Amino acid sequence: MAEEKAGQGMHECTHMQDLMKVQREIIRRHIDEHKWFQHIADKNEAVSDFLDKFGWIMRELICGHFCEDRFDCAAAQKYLPPKPDP
């Protein structure tokens, strides 16, 4: 019941393509260093490892802090910063 109420008037994410574009660019810039630091030879394995370790941070930052639709997006609600105490 609380989930229904929290989701009323909200839409699903319409910026997933933007999120993926940002992630691809970040990975492209940092994958060689990640491979070296993690001792991973295979690029695909390194990309998967990078996303496992850092993908959640990228999503939380983008969805919870920078997306212009974050307050009306059901997917972003769990990434919003906590509200300050009154």
N, C-alpha and C. Protein backbone atom coordinates (compact mmCIF):
# COMPACT_ATOMS: atom_id res chain seq x y z
N MET A 1 0.82 -1.18 0.00
CA MET A 1 0.00 0.00 0.00
C MET A 1 0.88 1.26 0.00
N ALA A 2 1.95 1.27 0.80
CA ALA A 2 2.85 2.43 0.83
C ALA A 2 3.53 2.61 -0.51
N GLU A 3 3.85 1.49 -1.19
CA GLU A 3 4.49 1.59 -2.49
C GLU A 3 3.55 2.22 -3.50
N GLU A 4 2.25 1.88 -3.44
CA GLU A 4 1.28 2.48 -4.35
C GLU A 4 1.21 3.98 -4.12
N LYS A 5 1.15 4.37 -2.87
CA LYS A 5 1.03 5.79 -2.54
C LYS A 5 2.29 6.56 -2.97
N ALA A 6 3.46 5.97 -2.74
CA ALA A 6 4.71 6.64 -3.11
C ALA A 6 4.83 6.80 -4.61
N GLY A 7 4.25 5.90 -5.38
CA GLY A 7 4.39 5.93 -6.82
C GLY A 7 3.31 6.72 -7.53
N GLN A 8 2.30 7.23 -6.82
CA GLN A 8 1.22 7.95 -7.46
C GLN A 8 1.74 9.22 -8.11
N GLY A 9 1.32 9.42 -9.36
CA GLY A 9 1.72 10.62 -10.09
C GLY A 9 3.14 10.58 -10.60
N MET A 10 3.83 9.48 -10.42
CA MET A 10 5.22 9.38 -10.85
C MET A 10 5.30 8.58 -12.13
N HIS A 11 6.35 8.82 -12.87
CA HIS A 11 6.59 8.09 -14.11
C HIS A 11 7.84 7.25 -13.98
N GLU A 12 8.01 6.37 -14.90
CA GLU A 12 9.24 5.57 -14.94
C GLU A 12 10.33 6.40 -15.61
N CYS A 13 11.55 5.99 -15.46
CA CYS A 13 12.70 6.72 -15.99
C CYS A 13 12.61 6.86 -17.51
N THR A 14 12.80 8.07 -17.96
CA THR A 14 12.85 8.34 -19.40
C THR A 14 14.25 8.78 -19.82
N HIS A 15 15.19 8.70 -18.89
CA HIS A 15 16.55 9.16 -19.15
C HIS A 15 17.56 8.02 -19.13
N MET A 16 17.10 6.77 -19.25
CA MET A 16 18.01 5.63 -19.17
C MET A 16 19.08 5.71 -20.27
N GLN A 17 18.70 6.16 -21.46
CA GLN A 17 19.68 6.29 -22.54
C GLN A 17 20.77 7.30 -22.16
N ASP A 18 20.37 8.39 -21.50
CA ASP A 18 21.35 9.38 -21.04
C ASP A 18 22.29 8.78 -20.00
N LEU A 19 21.72 8.02 -19.08
CA LEU A 19 22.53 7.36 -18.05
C LEU A 19 23.54 6.41 -18.69
N MET A 20 23.08 5.62 -19.64
CA MET A 20 23.97 4.66 -20.32
C MET A 20 25.07 5.39 -21.11
N LYS A 21 24.73 6.50 -21.72
CA LYS A 21 25.71 7.28 -22.48
C LYS A 21 26.81 7.80 -21.55
N VAL A 22 26.42 8.32 -20.40
CA VAL A 22 27.38 8.81 -19.42
C VAL A 22 28.27 7.67 -18.92
N GLN A 23 27.65 6.53 -18.61
CA GLN A 23 28.43 5.39 -18.14
C GLN A 23 29.44 4.93 -19.18
N ARG A 24 29.01 4.85 -20.45
CA ARG A 24 29.93 4.44 -21.53
C ARG A 24 31.11 5.39 -21.62
N GLU A 25 30.85 6.69 -21.53
CA GLU A 25 31.92 7.68 -21.63
C GLU A 25 32.90 7.57 -20.46
N ILE A 26 32.38 7.40 -19.26
CA ILE A 26 33.24 7.25 -18.08
C ILE A 26 34.09 5.99 -18.20
N ILE A 27 33.47 4.91 -18.60
CA ILE A 27 34.21 3.65 -18.76
C ILE A 27 35.27 3.79 -19.84
N ARG A 28 34.90 4.40 -20.98
CA ARG A 28 35.87 4.58 -22.06
C ARG A 28 37.12 5.32 -21.58
N ARG A 29 36.92 6.35 -20.77
CA ARG A 29 38.05 7.14 -20.28
C ARG A 29 38.90 6.41 -19.25
N HIS A 30 38.30 5.49 -18.48
CA HIS A 30 39.00 4.91 -17.33
C HIS A 30 39.28 3.41 -17.41
N ILE A 31 38.85 2.75 -18.47
CA ILE A 31 38.94 1.29 -18.49
C ILE A 31 40.39 0.79 -18.50
N ASP A 32 41.28 1.47 -19.18
CA ASP A 32 42.67 1.00 -19.20
C ASP A 32 43.30 1.04 -17.80
N GLU A 33 43.05 2.10 -17.06
CA GLU A 33 43.56 2.18 -15.70
C GLU A 33 42.91 1.11 -14.81
N HIS A 34 41.63 0.90 -15.00
CA HIS A 34 40.92 -0.10 -14.21
C HIS A 34 41.49 -1.50 -14.49
N LYS A 35 41.73 -1.78 -15.75
CA LYS A 35 42.33 -3.08 -16.11
C LYS A 35 43.67 -3.25 -15.40
N TRP A 36 44.48 -2.22 -15.42
CA TRP A 36 45.82 -2.30 -14.83
C TRP A 36 45.72 -2.47 -13.30
N PHE A 37 44.92 -1.63 -12.66
CA PHE A 37 44.81 -1.70 -11.19
C PHE A 37 44.20 -3.01 -10.70
N GLN A 38 43.26 -3.56 -11.47
CA GLN A 38 42.58 -4.77 -11.05
C GLN A 38 43.22 -6.05 -11.62
N HIS A 39 44.28 -5.88 -12.40
CA HIS A 39 44.98 -7.02 -13.00
C HIS A 39 44.04 -7.86 -13.86
N ILE A 40 43.29 -7.16 -14.72
CA ILE A 40 42.34 -7.81 -15.63
C ILE A 40 42.82 -7.57 -17.05
N ALA A 41 43.05 -8.64 -17.78
CA ALA A 41 43.56 -8.53 -19.15
C ALA A 41 42.43 -8.29 -20.16
N ASP A 42 41.31 -8.95 -19.98
CA ASP A 42 40.21 -8.89 -20.94
C ASP A 42 39.38 -7.62 -20.75
N LYS A 43 39.18 -6.86 -21.82
CA LYS A 43 38.46 -5.59 -21.74
C LYS A 43 37.00 -5.80 -21.31
N ASN A 44 36.33 -6.81 -21.86
CA ASN A 44 34.92 -7.05 -21.50
C ASN A 44 34.79 -7.42 -20.03
N GLU A 45 35.70 -8.22 -19.54
CA GLU A 45 35.70 -8.58 -18.12
C GLU A 45 35.93 -7.33 -17.26
N ALA A 46 36.81 -6.46 -17.73
CA ALA A 46 37.10 -5.23 -16.99
C ALA A 46 35.89 -4.30 -16.97
N VAL A 47 35.17 -4.20 -18.08
CA VAL A 47 33.97 -3.36 -18.13
C VAL A 47 32.93 -3.89 -17.14
N SER A 48 32.74 -5.20 -17.15
CA SER A 48 31.79 -5.82 -16.22
C SER A 48 32.20 -5.56 -14.77
N ASP A 49 33.48 -5.71 -14.48
CA ASP A 49 33.98 -5.47 -13.13
C ASP A 49 33.79 -4.00 -12.74
N PHE A 50 34.07 -3.09 -13.66
CA PHE A 50 33.91 -1.66 -13.42
C PHE A 50 32.46 -1.34 -13.07
N LEU A 51 31.52 -1.88 -13.86
CA LEU A 51 30.10 -1.62 -13.60
C LEU A 51 29.65 -2.23 -12.28
N ASP A 52 30.16 -3.42 -11.96
CA ASP A 52 29.81 -4.04 -10.67
C ASP A 52 30.27 -3.17 -9.51
N LYS A 53 31.45 -2.59 -9.65
CA LYS A 53 32.03 -1.82 -8.55
C LYS A 53 31.55 -0.37 -8.49
N PHE A 54 31.30 0.24 -9.66
CA PHE A 54 31.03 1.68 -9.69
C PHE A 54 29.72 2.08 -10.34
N GLY A 55 29.03 1.16 -10.99
CA GLY A 55 27.78 1.49 -11.68
C GLY A 55 26.73 2.05 -10.74
N TRP A 56 26.64 1.49 -9.54
CA TRP A 56 25.64 1.96 -8.57
C TRP A 56 25.93 3.40 -8.14
N ILE A 57 27.20 3.76 -8.07
CA ILE A 57 27.55 5.14 -7.68
C ILE A 57 27.13 6.10 -8.78
N MET A 58 27.42 5.73 -10.03
CA MET A 58 27.04 6.59 -11.15
C MET A 58 25.53 6.78 -11.19
N ARG A 59 24.78 5.68 -10.99
CA ARG A 59 23.33 5.79 -11.04
C ARG A 59 22.80 6.64 -9.89
N GLU A 60 23.33 6.42 -8.70
CA GLU A 60 22.86 7.20 -7.55
C GLU A 60 23.13 8.69 -7.74
N LEU A 61 24.29 9.03 -8.24
CA LEU A 61 24.61 10.44 -8.48
C LEU A 61 23.72 11.06 -9.53
N ILE A 62 23.57 10.38 -10.65
CA ILE A 62 22.78 10.93 -11.74
C ILE A 62 21.30 10.96 -11.37
N CYS A 63 20.76 9.81 -10.96
CA CYS A 63 19.32 9.72 -10.69
C CYS A 63 18.91 10.48 -9.42
N GLY A 64 19.73 10.43 -8.41
CA GLY A 64 19.35 11.03 -7.13
C GLY A 64 19.73 12.49 -6.95
N HIS A 65 20.65 12.97 -7.77
CA HIS A 65 21.14 14.33 -7.54
C HIS A 65 21.08 15.25 -8.76
N PHE A 66 21.21 14.69 -9.96
CA PHE A 66 21.35 15.56 -11.13
C PHE A 66 20.19 15.50 -12.12
N CYS A 67 19.44 14.43 -12.14
CA CYS A 67 18.34 14.31 -13.10
C CYS A 67 17.27 15.36 -12.80
N GLU A 68 16.86 16.07 -13.83
CA GLU A 68 15.86 17.12 -13.63
C GLU A 68 14.49 16.56 -13.29
N ASP A 69 14.23 15.29 -13.59
CA ASP A 69 12.94 14.68 -13.31
C ASP A 69 12.96 13.80 -12.06
N ARG A 70 14.00 13.88 -11.25
CA ARG A 70 14.19 12.93 -10.14
C ARG A 70 13.07 12.93 -9.11
N PHE A 71 12.42 14.05 -8.89
CA PHE A 71 11.37 14.11 -7.87
C PHE A 71 10.06 13.50 -8.35
N ASP A 72 9.91 13.36 -9.66
CA ASP A 72 8.69 12.79 -10.24
C ASP A 72 8.93 11.40 -10.82
N CYS A 73 10.10 10.86 -10.65
CA CYS A 73 10.47 9.58 -11.25
C CYS A 73 10.46 8.48 -10.19
N ALA A 74 9.65 7.47 -10.43
CA ALA A 74 9.55 6.36 -9.47
C ALA A 74 10.89 5.65 -9.31
N ALA A 75 11.64 5.50 -10.38
CA ALA A 75 12.92 4.80 -10.32
C ALA A 75 13.96 5.56 -9.50
N ALA A 76 13.87 6.88 -9.46
CA ALA A 76 14.88 7.70 -8.78
C ALA A 76 14.61 7.87 -7.29
N GLN A 77 13.45 7.54 -6.82
CA GLN A 77 13.08 7.82 -5.43
C GLN A 77 14.05 7.23 -4.41
N LYS A 78 14.54 6.03 -4.67
CA LYS A 78 15.44 5.41 -3.69
C LYS A 78 16.84 6.03 -3.72
N TYR A 79 17.11 6.88 -4.70
CA TYR A 79 18.43 7.51 -4.80
C TYR A 79 18.45 8.96 -4.32
N LEU A 80 17.29 9.49 -3.99
CA LEU A 80 17.23 10.89 -3.53
C LEU A 80 17.94 11.01 -2.18
N PRO A 81 18.62 12.12 -1.95
CA PRO A 81 19.27 12.30 -0.64
C PRO A 81 18.22 12.41 0.45
N PRO A 82 18.58 12.03 1.66
CA PRO A 82 17.60 12.12 2.76
C PRO A 82 17.19 13.57 3.00
N LYS A 83 15.94 13.72 3.39
CA LYS A 83 15.43 15.05 3.70
C LYS A 83 15.98 15.48 5.05
N PRO A 84 16.36 16.74 5.19
CA PRO A 84 16.87 17.22 6.48
C PRO A 84 15.79 17.19 7.55
N ASP A 85 16.20 17.00 8.78
CA ASP A 85 15.27 17.01 9.90
C ASP A 85 14.70 18.43 10.04
N PRO A 86 13.40 18.52 10.37
CA PRO A 86 12.77 19.86 10.51
C PRO A 86 13.30 20.64 11.68
